[in-house]
Amino acid sequence: MTKKRRGLVVFAVVLVVFVAIAWWQGWVRPVDSRKFMQWQPGSYAVKQFVDGDTVMVDMQGTTETIRFIGIDTP
């Protein structure tokens, strides 16, 4: 095994161990969308994906359709 490959393996092992410890300690958690919406004013939850460039979002109780300009997808 070359030095470069050995270094990559050691790095990968250290990274996996760090992520496992972070998960076990609770440092990595899913984001609660209700709390996120309070922290980030102007952020809205996506209710439905209509197609590749159109989504429907919940804007404080009102459903709005949003189309992304410059994106052409089926």
N, C-alpha and C. Protein backbone atom coordinates (compact mmCIF):
# COMPACT_ATOMS: atom_id res chain seq x y z
N MET A 1 0.85 -1.17 0.00
CA MET A 1 0.00 0.00 0.00
C MET A 1 0.90 1.24 0.00
N THR A 2 0.59 2.17 -0.88
CA THR A 2 1.41 3.37 -0.96
C THR A 2 1.10 4.31 0.20
N LYS A 3 1.99 5.28 0.41
CA LYS A 3 1.79 6.24 1.51
C LYS A 3 0.51 7.05 1.30
N LYS A 4 0.25 7.42 0.06
CA LYS A 4 -0.93 8.22 -0.23
C LYS A 4 -2.21 7.45 0.08
N ARG A 5 -2.25 6.20 -0.34
CA ARG A 5 -3.43 5.37 -0.10
C ARG A 5 -3.60 5.11 1.39
N ARG A 6 -2.51 4.86 2.10
CA ARG A 6 -2.57 4.62 3.54
C ARG A 6 -3.10 5.86 4.26
N GLY A 7 -2.65 7.03 3.82
CA GLY A 7 -3.13 8.28 4.40
C GLY A 7 -4.62 8.47 4.18
N LEU A 8 -5.11 8.13 2.99
CA LEU A 8 -6.54 8.23 2.71
C LEU A 8 -7.36 7.27 3.57
N VAL A 9 -6.84 6.07 3.76
CA VAL A 9 -7.54 5.09 4.60
C VAL A 9 -7.61 5.59 6.05
N VAL A 10 -6.49 6.10 6.55
CA VAL A 10 -6.47 6.61 7.93
C VAL A 10 -7.45 7.79 8.05
N PHE A 11 -7.45 8.68 7.08
CA PHE A 11 -8.37 9.81 7.10
C PHE A 11 -9.82 9.33 7.11
N ALA A 12 -10.15 8.36 6.27
CA ALA A 12 -11.52 7.84 6.19
C ALA A 12 -11.94 7.21 7.52
N VAL A 13 -11.04 6.46 8.14
CA VAL A 13 -11.36 5.83 9.42
C VAL A 13 -11.59 6.89 10.50
N VAL A 14 -10.73 7.89 10.55
CA VAL A 14 -10.89 8.96 11.53
C VAL A 14 -12.20 9.71 11.30
N LEU A 15 -12.54 9.97 10.06
CA LEU A 15 -13.79 10.65 9.73
C LEU A 15 -15.00 9.84 10.18
N VAL A 16 -14.99 8.55 9.91
CA VAL A 16 -16.11 7.68 10.31
C VAL A 16 -16.24 7.66 11.83
N VAL A 17 -15.12 7.56 12.53
CA VAL A 17 -15.15 7.54 13.99
C VAL A 17 -15.69 8.87 14.52
N PHE A 18 -15.26 9.98 13.95
CA PHE A 18 -15.75 11.30 14.38
C PHE A 18 -17.25 11.43 14.17
N VAL A 19 -17.75 11.02 13.02
CA VAL A 19 -19.18 11.11 12.73
C VAL A 19 -19.97 10.21 13.68
N ALA A 20 -19.46 9.02 13.96
CA ALA A 20 -20.15 8.11 14.88
C ALA A 20 -20.22 8.71 16.28
N ILE A 21 -19.14 9.31 16.74
CA ILE A 21 -19.14 9.93 18.07
C ILE A 21 -20.09 11.13 18.08
N ALA A 22 -20.09 11.93 17.03
CA ALA A 22 -20.98 13.09 16.94
C ALA A 22 -22.43 12.64 16.99
N TRP A 23 -22.77 11.58 16.28
CA TRP A 23 -24.13 11.07 16.28
C TRP A 23 -24.51 10.54 17.66
N TRP A 24 -23.61 9.80 18.28
CA TRP A 24 -23.87 9.21 19.59
C TRP A 24 -24.04 10.28 20.66
N GLN A 25 -23.27 11.37 20.58
CA GLN A 25 -23.35 12.45 21.54
C GLN A 25 -24.55 13.37 21.30
N GLY A 26 -25.21 13.23 20.16
CA GLY A 26 -26.37 14.07 19.86
C GLY A 26 -26.01 15.39 19.21
N TRP A 27 -24.79 15.52 18.71
CA TRP A 27 -24.40 16.77 18.05
C TRP A 27 -25.05 16.91 16.69
N VAL A 28 -25.43 15.79 16.08
CA VAL A 28 -26.04 15.78 14.75
C VAL A 28 -27.49 15.34 14.93
N ARG A 29 -28.43 16.23 14.60
CA ARG A 29 -29.85 15.94 14.74
C ARG A 29 -30.60 16.45 13.53
N PRO A 30 -31.73 15.83 13.21
CA PRO A 30 -32.57 16.39 12.15
C PRO A 30 -33.10 17.75 12.59
N VAL A 31 -33.32 18.62 11.63
CA VAL A 31 -33.83 19.96 11.93
C VAL A 31 -35.33 19.90 12.10
N ASP A 32 -35.86 20.48 13.17
CA ASP A 32 -37.29 20.60 13.38
C ASP A 32 -37.78 21.78 12.53
N SER A 33 -38.64 21.51 11.56
CA SER A 33 -39.04 22.55 10.60
C SER A 33 -39.78 23.70 11.29
N ARG A 34 -40.53 23.42 12.36
CA ARG A 34 -41.24 24.51 13.05
C ARG A 34 -40.25 25.48 13.69
N LYS A 35 -39.20 24.95 14.31
CA LYS A 35 -38.19 25.82 14.91
C LYS A 35 -37.42 26.57 13.83
N PHE A 36 -37.11 25.90 12.72
CA PHE A 36 -36.38 26.53 11.63
C PHE A 36 -37.15 27.71 11.07
N MET A 37 -38.47 27.54 10.92
CA MET A 37 -39.30 28.62 10.39
C MET A 37 -39.29 29.83 11.32
N GLN A 38 -39.17 29.60 12.63
CA GLN A 38 -39.11 30.72 13.56
C GLN A 38 -37.76 31.42 13.49
N TRP A 39 -36.69 30.65 13.28
CA TRP A 39 -35.34 31.24 13.22
C TRP A 39 -35.10 32.00 11.94
N GLN A 40 -35.68 31.54 10.84
CA GLN A 40 -35.42 32.10 9.52
C GLN A 40 -36.69 32.75 8.96
N PRO A 41 -36.95 34.01 9.26
CA PRO A 41 -38.14 34.64 8.69
C PRO A 41 -38.04 34.67 7.17
N GLY A 42 -39.16 34.42 6.51
CA GLY A 42 -39.18 34.38 5.06
C GLY A 42 -38.93 32.99 4.51
N SER A 43 -38.73 32.00 5.38
CA SER A 43 -38.57 30.61 4.97
C SER A 43 -39.94 29.94 5.04
N TYR A 44 -40.28 29.18 4.02
CA TYR A 44 -41.58 28.54 3.95
C TYR A 44 -41.42 27.07 3.65
N ALA A 45 -42.37 26.27 4.10
CA ALA A 45 -42.33 24.82 3.91
C ALA A 45 -42.88 24.46 2.53
N VAL A 46 -42.19 23.56 1.83
CA VAL A 46 -42.66 23.06 0.55
C VAL A 46 -43.74 22.02 0.82
N LYS A 47 -44.91 22.21 0.22
CA LYS A 47 -46.02 21.27 0.40
C LYS A 47 -46.02 20.22 -0.69
N GLN A 48 -45.68 20.62 -1.92
CA GLN A 48 -45.77 19.69 -3.05
C GLN A 48 -44.84 20.14 -4.16
N PHE A 49 -44.20 19.15 -4.82
CA PHE A 49 -43.43 19.42 -6.03
C PHE A 49 -44.34 19.14 -7.21
N VAL A 50 -44.62 20.18 -8.01
CA VAL A 50 -45.51 20.03 -9.15
C VAL A 50 -44.76 19.40 -10.31
N ASP A 51 -43.62 19.97 -10.66
CA ASP A 51 -42.72 19.39 -11.66
C ASP A 51 -41.32 19.90 -11.34
N GLY A 52 -40.40 19.80 -12.29
CA GLY A 52 -39.01 20.13 -12.01
C GLY A 52 -38.73 21.57 -11.68
N ASP A 53 -39.59 22.50 -12.12
CA ASP A 53 -39.33 23.92 -11.84
C ASP A 53 -40.49 24.62 -11.14
N THR A 54 -41.44 23.86 -10.59
CA THR A 54 -42.59 24.44 -9.92
C THR A 54 -42.84 23.71 -8.60
N VAL A 55 -43.03 24.50 -7.52
CA VAL A 55 -43.35 23.93 -6.22
C VAL A 55 -44.53 24.70 -5.62
N MET A 56 -45.23 24.06 -4.71
CA MET A 56 -46.28 24.72 -3.95
C MET A 56 -45.78 24.82 -2.51
N VAL A 57 -45.84 26.03 -1.95
CA VAL A 57 -45.34 26.26 -0.59
C VAL A 57 -46.45 26.78 0.30
N ASP A 58 -46.30 26.52 1.59
CA ASP A 58 -47.23 27.03 2.59
C ASP A 58 -46.65 28.31 3.15
N MET A 59 -47.26 29.44 2.79
CA MET A 59 -46.81 30.75 3.27
C MET A 59 -47.76 31.22 4.36
N GLN A 60 -47.50 30.79 5.58
CA GLN A 60 -48.28 31.16 6.75
C GLN A 60 -49.77 30.89 6.56
N GLY A 61 -50.09 29.67 6.10
CA GLY A 61 -51.48 29.27 5.93
C GLY A 61 -52.03 29.41 4.53
N THR A 62 -51.34 30.11 3.65
CA THR A 62 -51.76 30.29 2.27
C THR A 62 -50.87 29.47 1.36
N THR A 63 -51.46 28.67 0.48
CA THR A 63 -50.68 27.87 -0.47
C THR A 63 -50.41 28.71 -1.71
N GLU A 64 -49.13 28.85 -2.03
CA GLU A 64 -48.70 29.63 -3.20
C GLU A 64 -47.92 28.73 -4.15
N THR A 65 -48.08 28.95 -5.45
CA THR A 65 -47.32 28.22 -6.46
C THR A 65 -46.12 29.06 -6.86
N ILE A 66 -44.94 28.47 -6.81
CA ILE A 66 -43.69 29.15 -7.13
C ILE A 66 -43.07 28.48 -8.35
N ARG A 67 -42.71 29.28 -9.37
CA ARG A 67 -41.98 28.77 -10.54
C ARG A 67 -40.59 29.37 -10.52
N PHE A 68 -39.59 28.53 -10.74
CA PHE A 68 -38.21 28.97 -10.76
C PHE A 68 -37.86 29.45 -12.16
N ILE A 69 -37.41 30.70 -12.27
CA ILE A 69 -37.07 31.29 -13.55
C ILE A 69 -35.69 30.78 -13.99
N GLY A 70 -35.55 30.45 -15.27
CA GLY A 70 -34.27 30.02 -15.81
C GLY A 70 -34.03 28.52 -15.67
N ILE A 71 -34.99 27.79 -15.13
CA ILE A 71 -34.86 26.34 -15.00
C ILE A 71 -35.91 25.73 -15.90
N ASP A 72 -35.47 24.89 -16.84
CA ASP A 72 -36.39 24.24 -17.77
C ASP A 72 -36.23 22.74 -17.62
N THR A 73 -37.13 22.14 -16.84
CA THR A 73 -37.08 20.70 -16.62
C THR A 73 -38.46 20.14 -16.85
N PRO A 74 -38.55 18.85 -17.19
CA PRO A 74 -39.86 18.25 -17.39
C PRO A 74 -40.60 18.03 -16.08
